[in-house]
Amino acid sequence: MRSYKLVQLTNTNGNNELLIAFLDQLSFDSFEELDENSLNAYILKEDFNQDALSQVLNELEQFKSVKFEVSDLENKNWNQEWEKNFRAIQIGNECVVRAPFHDAVSVPYELVIEPKMAFGTGHHATTEMVLTLMLRMDFNNKEVLDFGCGTGILSLLAEKMGAKSIQANDIEEPAFINTIENTQLNGCSKITAIHGAIDKVPVQNYDVILANVTTNTIKENLAQLLALLSSKGELLLSGILLEQEDEVKDLAQSLQLSFVDRKNQDNWVALQYSKP
């Protein structure tokens, strides 16, 4: 059983969403918003670095008033505790994301996710927006890359919408394992899980590339992703903070991508592009 630390952050001045985005990059697993000015963050004891946390808070003007206290949590199955509050979500009339312990729902696309603390389950705006954009697209017989796949939720929807094959990669081993679990749980057979960065992804022309990651990861990998995208192929980017949208748009424009669609929710943005 793994040990966790609880970091209680106060005086956040309504910057919870932005703060979560930065803490996520410091290996924090999950978050609990108490109100608009306070936040609980959970992290494995061996991953916690107080100096790195202090540096983030001191370097960014909007976080300088934030205070935090750190405490050890008692040993228990925190995934199990978290699962108790895991709820099914519905996206329009077409898609439902639920856990194995929820009742089945009659919709065109039902995605069954074994909930884990660290990865996307559709409850966060970044994932929900990509699922919404995907439901507007044609995946029939398409070759798909799910870059930074997390739970594999986007891959599952791609297969259920008719994709020919899906390569799903993630640098985190638990995400890689969770993707395999969820692939089996949903009876999917066209998803190949890959543990590793973009250099581990098979080089081919993908019809659709899905990238629900962080803005920095998008910026670092966009040129390589574009090289893997077929002519007229479609690219969905999410995990972009509203205040970082222009950075991604400028980079996409410099790479001659054609803008197709955009969604924003809870200070987050998802962008859809096509390759000329």
C-alpha atoms as a PDB file:
ATOM      1  CA  MET A   1       0.000   0.000   0.000  1.00  0.00           C
ATOM      2  CA  ARG A   2       1.466   3.344  -1.061  1.00  0.00           C
ATOM      3  CA  SER A   3       1.837   6.351   1.241  1.00  0.00           C
ATOM      4  CA  TYR A   4       0.548   9.806   0.338  1.00  0.00           C
ATOM      5  CA  LYS A   5       1.088  13.355   1.492  1.00  0.00           C
ATOM      6  CA  LEU A   6      -1.649  15.958   1.718  1.00  0.00           C
ATOM      7  CA  VAL A   7      -0.760  19.523   0.755  1.00  0.00           C
ATOM      8  CA  GLN A   8      -3.366  22.042   1.894  1.00  0.00           C
ATOM      9  CA  LEU A   9      -3.142  25.279  -0.096  1.00  0.00           C
ATOM     10  CA  THR A  10      -4.915  28.481   0.954  1.00  0.00           C
ATOM     11  CA  ASN A  11      -5.140  32.107  -0.250  1.00  0.00           C
ATOM     12  CA  THR A  12      -5.360  30.904  -3.868  1.00  0.00           C
ATOM     13  CA  ASN A  13      -7.431  33.982  -4.843  1.00  0.00           C
ATOM     14  CA  GLY A  14      -9.595  32.090  -7.328  1.00  0.00           C
ATOM     15  CA  ASN A  15      -6.601  30.621  -9.183  1.00  0.00           C
ATOM     16  CA  ASN A  16      -7.422  26.973  -8.396  1.00  0.00           C
ATOM     17  CA  GLU A  17      -7.620  25.808 -12.024  1.00  0.00           C
ATOM     18  CA  LEU A  18      -4.327  27.464 -12.942  1.00  0.00           C
ATOM     19  CA  LEU A  19      -2.660  26.166  -9.781  1.00  0.00           C
ATOM     20  CA  ILE A  20      -3.862  22.609 -10.504  1.00  0.00           C
ATOM     21  CA  ALA A  21      -2.291  22.797 -13.970  1.00  0.00           C
ATOM     22  CA  PHE A  22       1.111  23.594 -12.483  1.00  0.00           C
ATOM     23  CA  LEU A  23       0.840  21.116  -9.604  1.00  0.00           C
ATOM     24  CA  ASP A  24      -0.070  18.397 -12.088  1.00  0.00           C
ATOM     25  CA  GLN A  25       3.375  18.849 -13.621  1.00  0.00           C
ATOM     26  CA  LEU A  26       4.935  18.256 -10.175  1.00  0.00           C
ATOM     27  CA  SER A  27       3.465  14.700 -10.051  1.00  0.00           C
ATOM     28  CA  PHE A  28       0.486  15.487  -7.822  1.00  0.00           C
ATOM     29  CA  ASP A  29      -2.109  12.749  -8.275  1.00  0.00           C
ATOM     30  CA  SER A  30      -5.450  14.316  -7.443  1.00  0.00           C
ATOM     31  CA  PHE A  31      -7.070  17.485  -6.183  1.00  0.00           C
ATOM     32  CA  GLU A  32     -10.019  18.552  -4.059  1.00  0.00           C
ATOM     33  CA  GLU A  33     -11.328  22.111  -4.382  1.00  0.00           C
ATOM     34  CA  LEU A  34     -12.705  23.186  -1.006  1.00  0.00           C
ATOM     35  CA  ASP A  35     -13.765  26.657  -2.182  1.00  0.00           C
ATOM     36  CA  GLU A  36     -12.479  29.299  -4.597  1.00  0.00           C
ATOM     37  CA  ASN A  37      -9.599  30.168  -2.261  1.00  0.00           C
ATOM     38  CA  SER A  38      -8.443  26.781  -1.003  1.00  0.00           C
ATOM     39  CA  LEU A  39      -7.346  23.477  -2.452  1.00  0.00           C
ATOM     40  CA  ASN A  40      -6.179  20.079  -1.223  1.00  0.00           C
ATOM     41  CA  ALA A  41      -3.561  18.315  -3.331  1.00  0.00           C
ATOM     42  CA  TYR A  42      -2.452  14.687  -2.957  1.00  0.00           C
ATOM     43  CA  ILE A  43       0.899  13.220  -3.943  1.00  0.00           C
ATOM     44  CA  LEU A  44       2.843  10.025  -3.351  1.00  0.00           C
ATOM     45  CA  LYS A  45       5.306  10.530  -0.518  1.00  0.00           C
ATOM     46  CA  GLU A  46       8.290   9.527  -2.658  1.00  0.00           C
ATOM     47  CA  ASP A  47       7.302  12.038  -5.381  1.00  0.00           C
ATOM     48  CA  PHE A  48       6.923  15.063  -3.113  1.00  0.00           C
ATOM     49  CA  ASN A  49       9.522  17.811  -3.466  1.00  0.00           C
ATOM     50  CA  GLN A  50       8.815  20.767  -1.191  1.00  0.00           C
ATOM     51  CA  ASP A  51      11.546  22.900  -2.769  1.00  0.00           C
ATOM     52  CA  ALA A  52      10.003  22.441  -6.231  1.00  0.00           C
ATOM     53  CA  LEU A  53       6.586  23.399  -4.882  1.00  0.00           C
ATOM     54  CA  SER A  54       7.966  26.500  -3.179  1.00  0.00           C
ATOM     55  CA  GLN A  55       9.785  27.498  -6.372  1.00  0.00           C
ATOM     56  CA  VAL A  56       6.576  27.347  -8.449  1.00  0.00           C
ATOM     57  CA  LEU A  57       4.685  29.445  -5.903  1.00  0.00           C
ATOM     58  CA  ASN A  58       7.468  32.019  -5.614  1.00  0.00           C
ATOM     59  CA  GLU A  59       8.154  32.400  -9.339  1.00  0.00           C
ATOM     60  CA  LEU A  60       4.600  33.165 -10.484  1.00  0.00           C
ATOM     61  CA  GLU A  61       3.020  36.445  -9.417  1.00  0.00           C
ATOM     62  CA  GLN A  62      -0.519  35.040  -9.064  1.00  0.00           C
ATOM     63  CA  PHE A  63       0.701  32.373  -6.599  1.00  0.00           C
ATOM     64  CA  LYS A  64       2.837  34.520  -4.302  1.00  0.00           C
ATOM     65  CA  SER A  65       0.065  34.879  -1.714  1.00  0.00           C
ATOM     66  CA  VAL A  66      -0.565  31.111  -1.594  1.00  0.00           C
ATOM     67  CA  LYS A  67       0.247  29.380   1.687  1.00  0.00           C
ATOM     68  CA  PHE A  68       0.571  25.636   2.151  1.00  0.00           C
ATOM     69  CA  GLU A  69       0.785  23.021   4.887  1.00  0.00           C
ATOM     70  CA  VAL A  70       2.037  19.471   4.371  1.00  0.00           C
ATOM     71  CA  SER A  71       0.922  16.417   6.327  1.00  0.00           C
ATOM     72  CA  ASP A  72       1.228  12.637   6.028  1.00  0.00           C
ATOM     73  CA  LEU A  73      -1.908  10.636   5.283  1.00  0.00           C
ATOM     74  CA  GLU A  74      -2.612   7.365   7.012  1.00  0.00           C
ATOM     75  CA  ASN A  75      -1.901   4.295   4.944  1.00  0.00           C
ATOM     76  CA  LYS A  76      -5.008   3.112   3.152  1.00  0.00           C
ATOM     77  CA  ASN A  77      -6.161   2.283  -0.361  1.00  0.00           C
ATOM     78  CA  TRP A  78      -6.639   5.865  -1.563  1.00  0.00           C
ATOM     79  CA  ASN A  79      -7.766   4.743  -5.022  1.00  0.00           C
ATOM     80  CA  GLN A  80     -10.565   2.818  -3.324  1.00  0.00           C
ATOM     81  CA  GLU A  81     -11.504   5.847  -1.222  1.00  0.00           C
ATOM     82  CA  TRP A  82     -11.542   8.060  -4.311  1.00  0.00           C
ATOM     83  CA  GLU A  83     -13.645   5.573  -6.285  1.00  0.00           C
ATOM     84  CA  LYS A  84     -16.470   5.966  -3.760  1.00  0.00           C
ATOM     85  CA  ASN A  85     -17.096   9.464  -5.141  1.00  0.00           C
ATOM     86  CA  PHE A  86     -16.552   8.581  -8.800  1.00  0.00           C
ATOM     87  CA  ARG A  87     -19.668   9.474 -10.777  1.00  0.00           C
ATOM     88  CA  ALA A  88     -20.770   8.576 -14.280  1.00  0.00           C
ATOM     89  CA  ILE A  89     -20.859  11.460 -16.759  1.00  0.00           C
ATOM     90  CA  GLN A  90     -22.839  11.916 -19.955  1.00  0.00           C
ATOM     91  CA  ILE A  91     -21.746  13.941 -22.968  1.00  0.00           C
ATOM     92  CA  GLY A  92     -24.767  14.960 -24.992  1.00  0.00           C
ATOM     93  CA  ASN A  93     -27.038  12.086 -25.905  1.00  0.00           C
ATOM     94  CA  GLU A  94     -24.286  10.013 -27.452  1.00  0.00           C
ATOM     95  CA  CYS A  95     -21.611   9.150 -24.901  1.00  0.00           C
ATOM     96  CA  VAL A  96     -21.454   8.029 -21.278  1.00  0.00           C
ATOM     97  CA  VAL A  97     -18.304   7.479 -19.227  1.00  0.00           C
ATOM     98  CA  ARG A  98     -18.843   5.188 -16.248  1.00  0.00           C
ATOM     99  CA  ALA A  99     -16.986   2.876 -13.905  1.00  0.00           C
ATOM    100  CA  PRO A 100     -17.530  -0.914 -13.811  1.00  0.00           C
ATOM    101  CA  PHE A 101     -19.593  -0.543 -10.630  1.00  0.00           C
ATOM    102  CA  HIS A 102     -22.124   1.803 -12.333  1.00  0.00           C
ATOM    103  CA  ASP A 103     -25.211   0.497 -14.125  1.00  0.00           C
ATOM    104  CA  ALA A 104     -24.997   0.193 -17.901  1.00  0.00           C
ATOM    105  CA  VAL A 105     -26.497   3.050 -19.934  1.00  0.00           C
ATOM    106  CA  SER A 106     -28.112   2.755 -23.359  1.00  0.00           C
ATOM    107  CA  VAL A 107     -26.244   5.258 -25.535  1.00  0.00           C
ATOM    108  CA  PRO A 108     -24.335   4.857 -28.814  1.00  0.00           C
ATOM    109  CA  TYR A 109     -20.944   5.039 -27.071  1.00  0.00           C
ATOM    110  CA  GLU A 110     -20.491   3.710 -23.552  1.00  0.00           C
ATOM    111  CA  LEU A 111     -16.954   3.982 -22.158  1.00  0.00           C
ATOM    112  CA  VAL A 112     -16.162   1.927 -19.065  1.00  0.00           C
ATOM    113  CA  ILE A 113     -13.166   3.278 -17.150  1.00  0.00           C
ATOM    114  CA  GLU A 114     -11.465   1.663 -14.163  1.00  0.00           C
ATOM    115  CA  PRO A 115     -10.917   4.859 -12.158  1.00  0.00           C
ATOM    116  CA  LYS A 116      -7.408   5.733 -11.066  1.00  0.00           C
ATOM    117  CA  MET A 117      -6.421   8.856  -9.187  1.00  0.00           C
ATOM    118  CA  ALA A 118      -3.880  10.209 -11.631  1.00  0.00           C
ATOM    119  CA  PHE A 119      -5.436   9.990 -15.062  1.00  0.00           C
ATOM    120  CA  GLY A 120      -8.215  11.435 -17.197  1.00  0.00           C
ATOM    121  CA  THR A 121     -11.656   9.929 -16.766  1.00  0.00           C
ATOM    122  CA  GLY A 122     -13.703  12.519 -18.648  1.00  0.00           C
ATOM    123  CA  HIS A 123     -14.537  14.501 -15.539  1.00  0.00           C
ATOM    124  CA  HIS A 124     -11.996  17.218 -16.234  1.00  0.00           C
ATOM    125  CA  ALA A 125     -12.853  19.886 -18.804  1.00  0.00           C
ATOM    126  CA  THR A 126      -9.806  19.074 -20.936  1.00  0.00           C
ATOM    127  CA  THR A 127     -10.939  15.494 -21.568  1.00  0.00           C
ATOM    128  CA  GLU A 128     -14.632  16.308 -21.845  1.00  0.00           C
ATOM    129  CA  MET A 129     -13.933  18.888 -24.554  1.00  0.00           C
ATOM    130  CA  VAL A 130     -11.943  16.406 -26.665  1.00  0.00           C
ATOM    131  CA  LEU A 131     -14.677  13.793 -26.339  1.00  0.00           C
ATOM    132  CA  THR A 132     -17.215  16.404 -27.460  1.00  0.00           C
ATOM    133  CA  LEU A 133     -15.139  17.375 -30.505  1.00  0.00           C
ATOM    134  CA  MET A 134     -14.530  13.714 -31.369  1.00  0.00           C
ATOM    135  CA  LEU A 135     -18.261  13.046 -31.462  1.00  0.00           C
ATOM    136  CA  ARG A 136     -18.514  15.550 -34.333  1.00  0.00           C
ATOM    137  CA  MET A 137     -15.861  13.750 -36.396  1.00  0.00           C
ATOM    138  CA  ASP A 138     -15.705  10.732 -38.690  1.00  0.00           C
ATOM    139  CA  PHE A 139     -13.428   7.981 -37.326  1.00  0.00           C
ATOM    140  CA  ASN A 140     -14.594   5.243 -39.658  1.00  0.00           C
ATOM    141  CA  ASN A 141     -11.585   3.210 -40.884  1.00  0.00           C
ATOM    142  CA  LYS A 142      -9.122   5.870 -39.616  1.00  0.00           C
ATOM    143  CA  GLU A 143      -5.590   5.335 -38.290  1.00  0.00           C
ATOM    144  CA  VAL A 144      -5.371   7.154 -34.947  1.00  0.00           C
ATOM    145  CA  LEU A 145      -2.635   8.224 -32.533  1.00  0.00           C
ATOM    146  CA  ASP A 146      -3.630   8.973 -28.924  1.00  0.00           C
ATOM    147  CA  PHE A 147      -0.596  10.917 -27.681  1.00  0.00           C
ATOM    148  CA  GLY A 148      -0.352  10.974 -23.871  1.00  0.00           C
ATOM    149  CA  CYS A 149      -3.251   8.568 -23.537  1.00  0.00           C
ATOM    150  CA  GLY A 150      -3.727   8.473 -19.733  1.00  0.00           C
ATOM    151  CA  THR A 151      -6.606   6.034 -19.133  1.00  0.00           C
ATOM    152  CA  GLY A 152      -6.969   5.421 -22.878  1.00  0.00           C
ATOM    153  CA  ILE A 153     -10.412   7.030 -22.805  1.00  0.00           C
ATOM    154  CA  LEU A 154      -9.956   8.810 -26.152  1.00  0.00           C
ATOM    155  CA  SER A 155      -8.703   5.610 -27.758  1.00  0.00           C
ATOM    156  CA  LEU A 156     -11.780   3.766 -26.538  1.00  0.00           C
ATOM    157  CA  LEU A 157     -14.110   6.283 -28.144  1.00  0.00           C
ATOM    158  CA  ALA A 158     -12.077   6.262 -31.369  1.00  0.00           C
ATOM    159  CA  GLU A 159     -12.425   2.473 -31.665  1.00  0.00           C
ATOM    160  CA  LYS A 160     -16.121   2.516 -30.821  1.00  0.00           C
ATOM    161  CA  MET A 161     -16.593   5.175 -33.530  1.00  0.00           C
ATOM    162  CA  GLY A 162     -15.041   2.882 -36.122  1.00  0.00           C
ATOM    163  CA  ALA A 163     -11.300   3.584 -36.156  1.00  0.00           C
ATOM    164  CA  LYS A 164      -9.219   0.999 -37.985  1.00  0.00           C
ATOM    165  CA  SER A 165      -6.373   1.043 -35.451  1.00  0.00           C
ATOM    166  CA  ILE A 166      -5.184   3.197 -32.550  1.00  0.00           C
ATOM    167  CA  GLN A 167      -1.677   3.650 -31.157  1.00  0.00           C
ATOM    168  CA  ALA A 168      -1.913   4.925 -27.555  1.00  0.00           C
ATOM    169  CA  ASN A 169       1.296   6.064 -25.866  1.00  0.00           C
ATOM    170  CA  ASP A 170       2.151   7.509 -22.462  1.00  0.00           C
ATOM    171  CA  ILE A 171       5.449   8.082 -20.671  1.00  0.00           C
ATOM    172  CA  GLU A 172       3.924   7.030 -17.334  1.00  0.00           C
ATOM    173  CA  GLU A 173       3.906   3.273 -16.694  1.00  0.00           C
ATOM    174  CA  PRO A 174       0.692   3.335 -14.580  1.00  0.00           C
ATOM    175  CA  ALA A 175      -1.090   5.081 -17.477  1.00  0.00           C
ATOM    176  CA  PHE A 176       0.214   2.461 -19.906  1.00  0.00           C
ATOM    177  CA  ILE A 177      -1.060  -0.320 -17.619  1.00  0.00           C
ATOM    178  CA  ASN A 178      -4.406   1.426 -17.068  1.00  0.00           C
ATOM    179  CA  THR A 179      -4.890   1.791 -20.830  1.00  0.00           C
ATOM    180  CA  ILE A 180      -4.416  -1.954 -21.257  1.00  0.00           C
ATOM    181  CA  GLU A 181      -6.895  -2.615 -18.435  1.00  0.00           C
ATOM    182  CA  ASN A 182      -9.515  -0.333 -19.942  1.00  0.00           C
ATOM    183  CA  THR A 183      -8.990  -1.728 -23.432  1.00  0.00           C
ATOM    184  CA  GLN A 184      -9.759  -5.195 -22.116  1.00  0.00           C
ATOM    185  CA  LEU A 185     -12.635  -3.945 -19.958  1.00  0.00           C
ATOM    186  CA  ASN A 186     -14.337  -2.467 -23.029  1.00  0.00           C
ATOM    187  CA  GLY A 187     -13.707  -5.483 -25.268  1.00  0.00           C
ATOM    188  CA  CYS A 188     -11.619  -3.355 -27.638  1.00  0.00           C
ATOM    189  CA  SER A 189      -9.147  -5.040 -29.979  1.00  0.00           C
ATOM    190  CA  LYS A 190      -7.722  -2.254 -32.156  1.00  0.00           C
ATOM    191  CA  ILE A 191      -5.805  -0.314 -29.487  1.00  0.00           C
ATOM    192  CA  THR A 192      -2.071  -0.840 -29.024  1.00  0.00           C
ATOM    193  CA  ALA A 193      -0.721   0.620 -25.766  1.00  0.00           C
ATOM    194  CA  ILE A 194       2.850   1.961 -25.861  1.00  0.00           C
ATOM    195  CA  HIS A 195       4.978   2.856 -22.836  1.00  0.00           C
ATOM    196  CA  GLY A 196       7.225   5.702 -23.894  1.00  0.00           C
ATOM    197  CA  ALA A 197       7.556   9.124 -25.474  1.00  0.00           C
ATOM    198  CA  ILE A 198       6.925  10.098 -29.080  1.00  0.00           C
ATOM    199  CA  ASP A 199      10.075   8.333 -30.271  1.00  0.00           C
ATOM    200  CA  LYS A 200       8.403   5.009 -29.369  1.00  0.00           C
ATOM    201  CA  VAL A 201       5.387   5.708 -31.588  1.00  0.00           C
ATOM    202  CA  PRO A 202       5.348   3.793 -34.903  1.00  0.00           C
ATOM    203  CA  VAL A 203       6.205   6.103 -37.787  1.00  0.00           C
ATOM    204  CA  GLN A 204       3.272   6.174 -40.199  1.00  0.00           C
ATOM    205  CA  ASN A 205       0.667   8.553 -41.588  1.00  0.00           C
ATOM    206  CA  TYR A 206      -2.088   8.964 -38.998  1.00  0.00           C
ATOM    207  CA  ASP A 207      -5.493  10.239 -40.086  1.00  0.00           C
ATOM    208  CA  VAL A 208      -6.246  11.616 -36.623  1.00  0.00           C
ATOM    209  CA  ILE A 209      -3.930  12.576 -33.761  1.00  0.00           C
ATOM    210  CA  LEU A 210      -5.361  13.245 -30.297  1.00  0.00           C
ATOM    211  CA  ALA A 211      -3.178  15.092 -27.776  1.00  0.00           C
ATOM    212  CA  ASN A 212      -4.775  15.860 -24.411  1.00  0.00           C
ATOM    213  CA  VAL A 213      -1.606  16.823 -22.545  1.00  0.00           C
ATOM    214  CA  THR A 214      -0.106  20.076 -21.213  1.00  0.00           C
ATOM    215  CA  THR A 215       0.633  23.238 -23.184  1.00  0.00           C
ATOM    216  CA  ASN A 216       4.363  22.727 -22.764  1.00  0.00           C
ATOM    217  CA  THR A 217       4.134  19.146 -23.995  1.00  0.00           C
ATOM    218  CA  ILE A 218       2.154  20.306 -27.024  1.00  0.00           C
ATOM    219  CA  LYS A 219       4.726  22.987 -27.825  1.00  0.00           C
ATOM    220  CA  GLU A 220       7.624  20.557 -27.430  1.00  0.00           C
ATOM    221  CA  ASN A 221       6.087  17.868 -29.638  1.00  0.00           C
ATOM    222  CA  LEU A 222       3.834  19.638 -32.149  1.00  0.00           C
ATOM    223  CA  ALA A 223       6.325  19.594 -35.023  1.00  0.00           C
ATOM    224  CA  GLN A 224       6.932  15.846 -34.528  1.00  0.00           C
ATOM    225  CA  LEU A 225       3.205  15.159 -34.286  1.00  0.00           C
ATOM    226  CA  LEU A 226       2.640  17.091 -37.483  1.00  0.00           C
ATOM    227  CA  ALA A 227       5.267  14.943 -39.222  1.00  0.00           C
ATOM    228  CA  LEU A 228       3.201  11.870 -38.292  1.00  0.00           C
ATOM    229  CA  LEU A 229      -0.087  13.363 -39.515  1.00  0.00           C
ATOM    230  CA  SER A 230      -1.301  12.523 -43.006  1.00  0.00           C
ATOM    231  CA  SER A 231      -2.283  15.162 -45.543  1.00  0.00           C
ATOM    232  CA  LYS A 232      -5.825  16.332 -44.700  1.00  0.00           C
ATOM    233  CA  GLY A 233      -5.412  14.644 -41.319  1.00  0.00           C
ATOM    234  CA  GLU A 234      -7.021  16.103 -38.198  1.00  0.00           C
ATOM    235  CA  LEU A 235      -5.331  17.101 -34.947  1.00  0.00           C
ATOM    236  CA  LEU A 236      -7.084  17.684 -31.610  1.00  0.00           C
ATOM    237  CA  LEU A 237      -5.125  19.533 -28.924  1.00  0.00           C
ATOM    238  CA  SER A 238      -6.296  19.953 -25.324  1.00  0.00           C
ATOM    239  CA  GLY A 239      -4.873  20.679 -21.876  1.00  0.00           C
ATOM    240  CA  ILE A 240      -4.337  24.311 -22.912  1.00  0.00           C
ATOM    241  CA  LEU A 241      -4.963  27.051 -20.377  1.00  0.00           C
ATOM    242  CA  LEU A 242      -6.941  29.982 -21.756  1.00  0.00           C
ATOM    243  CA  GLU A 243      -4.044  32.351 -21.139  1.00  0.00           C
ATOM    244  CA  GLN A 244      -1.713  30.065 -23.144  1.00  0.00           C
ATOM    245  CA  GLU A 245      -4.042  29.670 -26.117  1.00  0.00           C
ATOM    246  CA  ASP A 246      -2.301  32.275 -28.269  1.00  0.00           C
ATOM    247  CA  GLU A 247       1.061  30.531 -27.796  1.00  0.00           C
ATOM    248  CA  VAL A 248      -0.342  27.310 -29.235  1.00  0.00           C
ATOM    249  CA  LYS A 249      -2.238  29.112 -32.007  1.00  0.00           C
ATOM    250  CA  ASP A 250       0.874  31.022 -33.061  1.00  0.00           C
ATOM    251  CA  LEU A 251       2.894  27.817 -33.198  1.00  0.00           C
ATOM    252  CA  ALA A 252       0.177  26.017 -35.163  1.00  0.00           C
ATOM    253  CA  GLN A 253       0.030  28.888 -37.624  1.00  0.00           C
ATOM    254  CA  SER A 254       3.809  28.846 -38.069  1.00  0.00           C
ATOM    255  CA  LEU A 255       3.520  25.152 -38.948  1.00  0.00           C
ATOM    256  CA  GLN A 256       0.798  25.994 -41.493  1.00  0.00           C
ATOM    257  CA  LEU A 257      -1.967  24.047 -39.763  1.00  0.00           C
ATOM    258  CA  SER A 258      -5.516  25.041 -40.689  1.00  0.00           C
ATOM    259  CA  PHE A 259      -7.835  25.963 -37.828  1.00  0.00           C
ATOM    260  CA  VAL A 260     -11.079  23.942 -37.732  1.00  0.00           C
ATOM    261  CA  ASP A 261     -12.798  24.266 -34.362  1.00  0.00           C
ATOM    262  CA  ARG A 262     -12.409  25.395 -30.755  1.00  0.00           C
ATOM    263  CA  LYS A 263     -14.026  24.720 -27.391  1.00  0.00           C
ATOM    264  CA  ASN A 264     -13.419  26.362 -24.050  1.00  0.00           C
ATOM    265  CA  GLN A 265     -14.594  25.363 -20.591  1.00  0.00           C
ATOM    266  CA  ASP A 266     -13.512  26.273 -17.046  1.00  0.00           C
ATOM    267  CA  ASN A 267     -10.498  28.334 -18.194  1.00  0.00           C
ATOM    268  CA  TRP A 268      -9.329  25.510 -20.514  1.00  0.00           C
ATOM    269  CA  VAL A 269      -9.244  25.378 -24.316  1.00  0.00           C
ATOM    270  CA  ALA A 270      -9.311  22.569 -26.882  1.00  0.00           C
ATOM    271  CA  LEU A 271      -8.317  23.274 -30.486  1.00  0.00           C
ATOM    272  CA  GLN A 272      -8.947  21.300 -33.664  1.00  0.00           C
ATOM    273  CA  TYR A 273      -6.707  21.656 -36.718  1.00  0.00           C
ATOM    274  CA  SER A 274      -6.246  19.978 -40.083  1.00  0.00           C
ATOM    275  CA  LYS A 275      -3.105  19.493 -42.123  1.00  0.00           C
ATOM    276  CA  PRO A 276      -3.199  21.005 -45.634  1.00  0.00           C
END
